[in-house]
Amino acid sequence: MKNSYCTVCPGKCIWSVHHNMKYKFVIEMKREKRTYENLEKTV
């Protein structure tokens, strides 16, 4: 939280909007190794 605003949720809501919800946002970083050929296939 920064200046009473959420830094995790997509909407950057003020804290009172979802401070007592039944769920929470979790940021998960994943590292992938791709080749140039694989990148061309996805585009």
PDB file of N, CA and C in Angstrom:
ATOM      1  N   MET A   1       0.846  -1.158   0.000  1.00  0.00           N
ATOM      2  CA  MET A   1       0.000   0.000   0.000  1.00  0.00           C
ATOM      3  C   MET A   1       0.901   1.233   0.000  1.00  0.00           C
ATOM      4  N   LYS A   2       0.479   2.231  -0.753  1.00  0.00           N
ATOM      5  CA  LYS A   2       1.249   3.467  -0.847  1.00  0.00           C
ATOM      6  C   LYS A   2       0.271   4.636  -0.879  1.00  0.00           C
ATOM      7  N   ASN A   3       0.423   5.578   0.046  1.00  0.00           N
ATOM      8  CA  ASN A   3      -0.469   6.737   0.140  1.00  0.00           C
ATOM      9  C   ASN A   3      -1.938   6.324   0.206  1.00  0.00           C
ATOM     10  N   SER A   4      -2.232   5.289   0.960  1.00  0.00           N
ATOM     11  CA  SER A   4      -3.589   4.753   1.165  1.00  0.00           C
ATOM     12  C   SER A   4      -4.186   4.095  -0.068  1.00  0.00           C
ATOM     13  N   TYR A   5      -3.397   3.858  -1.106  1.00  0.00           N
ATOM     14  CA  TYR A   5      -3.873   3.180  -2.308  1.00  0.00           C
ATOM     15  C   TYR A   5      -3.170   1.834  -2.449  1.00  0.00           C
ATOM     16  N   CYS A   6      -3.912   0.861  -2.943  1.00  0.00           N
ATOM     17  CA  CYS A   6      -3.379  -0.480  -3.147  1.00  0.00           C
ATOM     18  C   CYS A   6      -2.380  -0.470  -4.300  1.00  0.00           C
ATOM     19  N   THR A   7      -1.269  -1.157  -4.136  1.00  0.00           N
ATOM     20  CA  THR A   7      -0.279  -1.258  -5.205  1.00  0.00           C
ATOM     21  C   THR A   7      -0.326  -2.617  -5.881  1.00  0.00           C
ATOM     22  N   VAL A   8      -1.230  -3.496  -5.439  1.00  0.00           N
ATOM     23  CA  VAL A   8      -1.289  -4.858  -5.962  1.00  0.00           C
ATOM     24  C   VAL A   8      -2.465  -5.071  -6.905  1.00  0.00           C
ATOM     25  N   CYS A   9      -3.628  -4.569  -6.566  1.00  0.00           N
ATOM     26  CA  CYS A   9      -4.806  -4.835  -7.393  1.00  0.00           C
ATOM     27  C   CYS A   9      -4.736  -4.057  -8.705  1.00  0.00           C
ATOM     28  N   PRO A  10      -5.399  -4.549  -9.735  1.00  0.00           N
ATOM     29  CA  PRO A  10      -5.341  -3.913 -11.050  1.00  0.00           C
ATOM     30  C   PRO A  10      -5.924  -2.502 -11.081  1.00  0.00           C
ATOM     31  N   GLY A  11      -6.895  -2.200 -10.211  1.00  0.00           N
ATOM     32  CA  GLY A  11      -7.538  -0.893 -10.235  1.00  0.00           C
ATOM     33  C   GLY A  11      -6.855   0.162  -9.385  1.00  0.00           C
ATOM     34  N   LYS A  12      -5.848  -0.227  -8.592  1.00  0.00           N
ATOM     35  CA  LYS A  12      -5.152   0.687  -7.676  1.00  0.00           C
ATOM     36  C   LYS A  12      -6.154   1.421  -6.781  1.00  0.00           C
ATOM     37  N   CYS A  13      -7.053   0.642  -6.171  1.00  0.00           N
ATOM     38  CA  CYS A  13      -8.144   1.184  -5.364  1.00  0.00           C
ATOM     39  C   CYS A  13      -7.622   1.807  -4.074  1.00  0.00           C
ATOM     40  N   ILE A  14      -8.448   2.636  -3.464  1.00  0.00           N
ATOM     41  CA  ILE A  14      -8.147   3.132  -2.129  1.00  0.00           C
ATOM     42  C   ILE A  14      -8.390   1.978  -1.153  1.00  0.00           C
ATOM     43  N   TRP A  15      -7.716   1.980  -0.023  1.00  0.00           N
ATOM     44  CA  TRP A  15      -7.708   0.829   0.874  1.00  0.00           C
ATOM     45  C   TRP A  15      -9.095   0.418   1.348  1.00  0.00           C
ATOM     46  N   SER A  16     -10.024   1.348   1.508  1.00  0.00           N
ATOM     47  CA  SER A  16     -11.335   1.018   2.066  1.00  0.00           C
ATOM     48  C   SER A  16     -12.224   0.234   1.102  1.00  0.00           C
ATOM     49  N   VAL A  17     -11.863   0.159  -0.169  1.00  0.00           N
ATOM     50  CA  VAL A  17     -12.693  -0.540  -1.152  1.00  0.00           C
ATOM     51  C   VAL A  17     -12.672  -2.046  -0.920  1.00  0.00           C
ATOM     52  N   HIS A  18     -11.513  -2.598  -0.642  1.00  0.00           N
ATOM     53  CA  HIS A  18     -11.438  -4.059  -0.489  1.00  0.00           C
ATOM     54  C   HIS A  18     -10.559  -4.490   0.681  1.00  0.00           C
ATOM     55  N   HIS A  19     -10.586  -3.758   1.755  1.00  0.00           N
ATOM     56  CA  HIS A  19      -9.751  -4.099   2.901  1.00  0.00           C
ATOM     57  C   HIS A  19     -10.236  -5.315   3.672  1.00  0.00           C
ATOM     58  N   ASN A  20     -11.477  -5.695   3.533  1.00  0.00           N
ATOM     59  CA  ASN A  20     -12.009  -6.815   4.308  1.00  0.00           C
ATOM     60  C   ASN A  20     -12.633  -7.867   3.396  1.00  0.00           C
ATOM     61  N   MET A  21     -12.050  -8.105   2.245  1.00  0.00           N
ATOM     62  CA  MET A  21     -12.577  -9.080   1.298  1.00  0.00           C
ATOM     63  C   MET A  21     -12.190 -10.497   1.720  1.00  0.00           C
ATOM     64  N   LYS A  22     -12.827 -11.474   1.109  1.00  0.00           N
ATOM     65  CA  LYS A  22     -12.554 -12.875   1.409  1.00  0.00           C
ATOM     66  C   LYS A  22     -11.393 -13.416   0.587  1.00  0.00           C
ATOM     67  N   TYR A  23     -10.850 -12.609  -0.300  1.00  0.00           N
ATOM     68  CA  TYR A  23      -9.744 -13.046  -1.143  1.00  0.00           C
ATOM     69  C   TYR A  23      -8.645 -11.993  -1.118  1.00  0.00           C
ATOM     70  N   LYS A  24      -7.491 -12.367  -1.648  1.00  0.00           N
ATOM     71  CA  LYS A  24      -6.392 -11.412  -1.731  1.00  0.00           C
ATOM     72  C   LYS A  24      -5.681 -11.579  -3.062  1.00  0.00           C
ATOM     73  N   PHE A  25      -5.004 -10.543  -3.483  1.00  0.00           N
ATOM     74  CA  PHE A  25      -4.230 -10.570  -4.714  1.00  0.00           C
ATOM     75  C   PHE A  25      -2.813 -11.018  -4.385  1.00  0.00           C
ATOM     76  N   VAL A  26      -2.302 -11.957  -5.161  1.00  0.00           N
ATOM     77  CA  VAL A  26      -0.941 -12.437  -4.971  1.00  0.00           C
ATOM     78  C   VAL A  26      -0.201 -12.258  -6.287  1.00  0.00           C
ATOM     79  N   ILE A  27       0.928 -11.570  -6.230  1.00  0.00           N
ATOM     80  CA  ILE A  27       1.745 -11.378  -7.425  1.00  0.00           C
ATOM     81  C   ILE A  27       2.717 -12.538  -7.516  1.00  0.00           C
ATOM     82  N   GLU A  28       2.754 -13.162  -8.665  1.00  0.00           N
ATOM     83  CA  GLU A  28       3.623 -14.313  -8.870  1.00  0.00           C
ATOM     84  C   GLU A  28       4.464 -14.068 -10.110  1.00  0.00           C
ATOM     85  N   MET A  29       5.763 -14.046  -9.927  1.00  0.00           N
ATOM     86  CA  MET A  29       6.680 -13.827 -11.041  1.00  0.00           C
ATOM     87  C   MET A  29       7.141 -15.187 -11.558  1.00  0.00           C
ATOM     88  N   LYS A  30       7.094 -15.352 -12.861  1.00  0.00           N
ATOM     89  CA  LYS A  30       7.580 -16.581 -13.481  1.00  0.00           C
ATOM     90  C   LYS A  30       8.624 -16.223 -14.518  1.00  0.00           C
ATOM     91  N   ARG A  31       9.662 -17.011 -14.586  1.00  0.00           N
ATOM     92  CA  ARG A  31      10.722 -16.779 -15.548  1.00  0.00           C
ATOM     93  C   ARG A  31      10.627 -17.852 -16.623  1.00  0.00           C
ATOM     94  N   GLU A  32      10.604 -17.432 -17.878  1.00  0.00           N
ATOM     95  CA  GLU A  32      10.537 -18.352 -19.006  1.00  0.00           C
ATOM     96  C   GLU A  32      11.739 -18.143 -19.893  1.00  0.00           C
ATOM     97  N   LYS A  33      12.198 -19.219 -20.444  1.00  0.00           N
ATOM     98  CA  LYS A  33      13.276 -19.128 -21.408  1.00  0.00           C
ATOM     99  C   LYS A  33      12.695 -19.494 -22.766  1.00  0.00           C
ATOM    100  N   ARG A  34      12.791 -18.577 -23.715  1.00  0.00           N
ATOM    101  CA  ARG A  34      12.230 -18.806 -25.042  1.00  0.00           C
ATOM    102  C   ARG A  34      13.305 -18.615 -26.098  1.00  0.00           C
ATOM    103  N   THR A  35      13.107 -19.306 -27.185  1.00  0.00           N
ATOM    104  CA  THR A  35      14.006 -19.123 -28.317  1.00  0.00           C
ATOM    105  C   THR A  35      13.362 -18.162 -29.302  1.00  0.00           C
ATOM    106  N   TYR A  36      14.132 -17.661 -30.198  1.00  0.00           N
ATOM    107  CA  TYR A  36      13.622 -16.729 -31.194  1.00  0.00           C
ATOM    108  C   TYR A  36      12.540 -17.391 -32.045  1.00  0.00           C
ATOM    109  N   GLU A  37      12.719 -18.659 -32.378  1.00  0.00           N
ATOM    110  CA  GLU A  37      11.738 -19.385 -33.190  1.00  0.00           C
ATOM    111  C   GLU A  37      10.400 -19.500 -32.451  1.00  0.00           C
ATOM    112  N   ASN A  38      10.438 -19.768 -31.157  1.00  0.00           N
ATOM    113  CA  ASN A  38       9.206 -19.864 -30.370  1.00  0.00           C
ATOM    114  C   ASN A  38       8.485 -18.526 -30.306  1.00  0.00           C
ATOM    115  N   LEU A  39       9.226 -17.450 -30.220  1.00  0.00           N
ATOM    116  CA  LEU A  39       8.608 -16.127 -30.185  1.00  0.00           C
ATOM    117  C   LEU A  39       7.919 -15.812 -31.503  1.00  0.00           C
ATOM    118  N   GLU A  40       8.503 -16.216 -32.606  1.00  0.00           N
ATOM    119  CA  GLU A  40       7.892 -15.975 -33.911  1.00  0.00           C
ATOM    120  C   GLU A  40       6.573 -16.734 -34.049  1.00  0.00           C
ATOM    121  N   LYS A  41       6.491 -17.935 -33.474  1.00  0.00           N
ATOM    122  CA  LYS A  41       5.283 -18.747 -33.568  1.00  0.00           C
ATOM    123  C   LYS A  41       4.130 -18.130 -32.781  1.00  0.00           C
ATOM    124  N   THR A  42       4.414 -17.460 -31.670  1.00  0.00           N
ATOM    125  CA  THR A  42       3.359 -16.902 -30.833  1.00  0.00           C
ATOM    126  C   THR A  42       2.812 -15.593 -31.379  1.00  0.00           C
ATOM    127  N   VAL A  43       3.530 -14.938 -32.248  1.00  0.00           N
ATOM    128  CA  VAL A  43       3.067 -13.639 -32.778  1.00  0.00           C
ATOM    129  C   VAL A  43       2.270 -13.803 -34.011  1.00  0.00           C
TER     130      VAL A  43
END
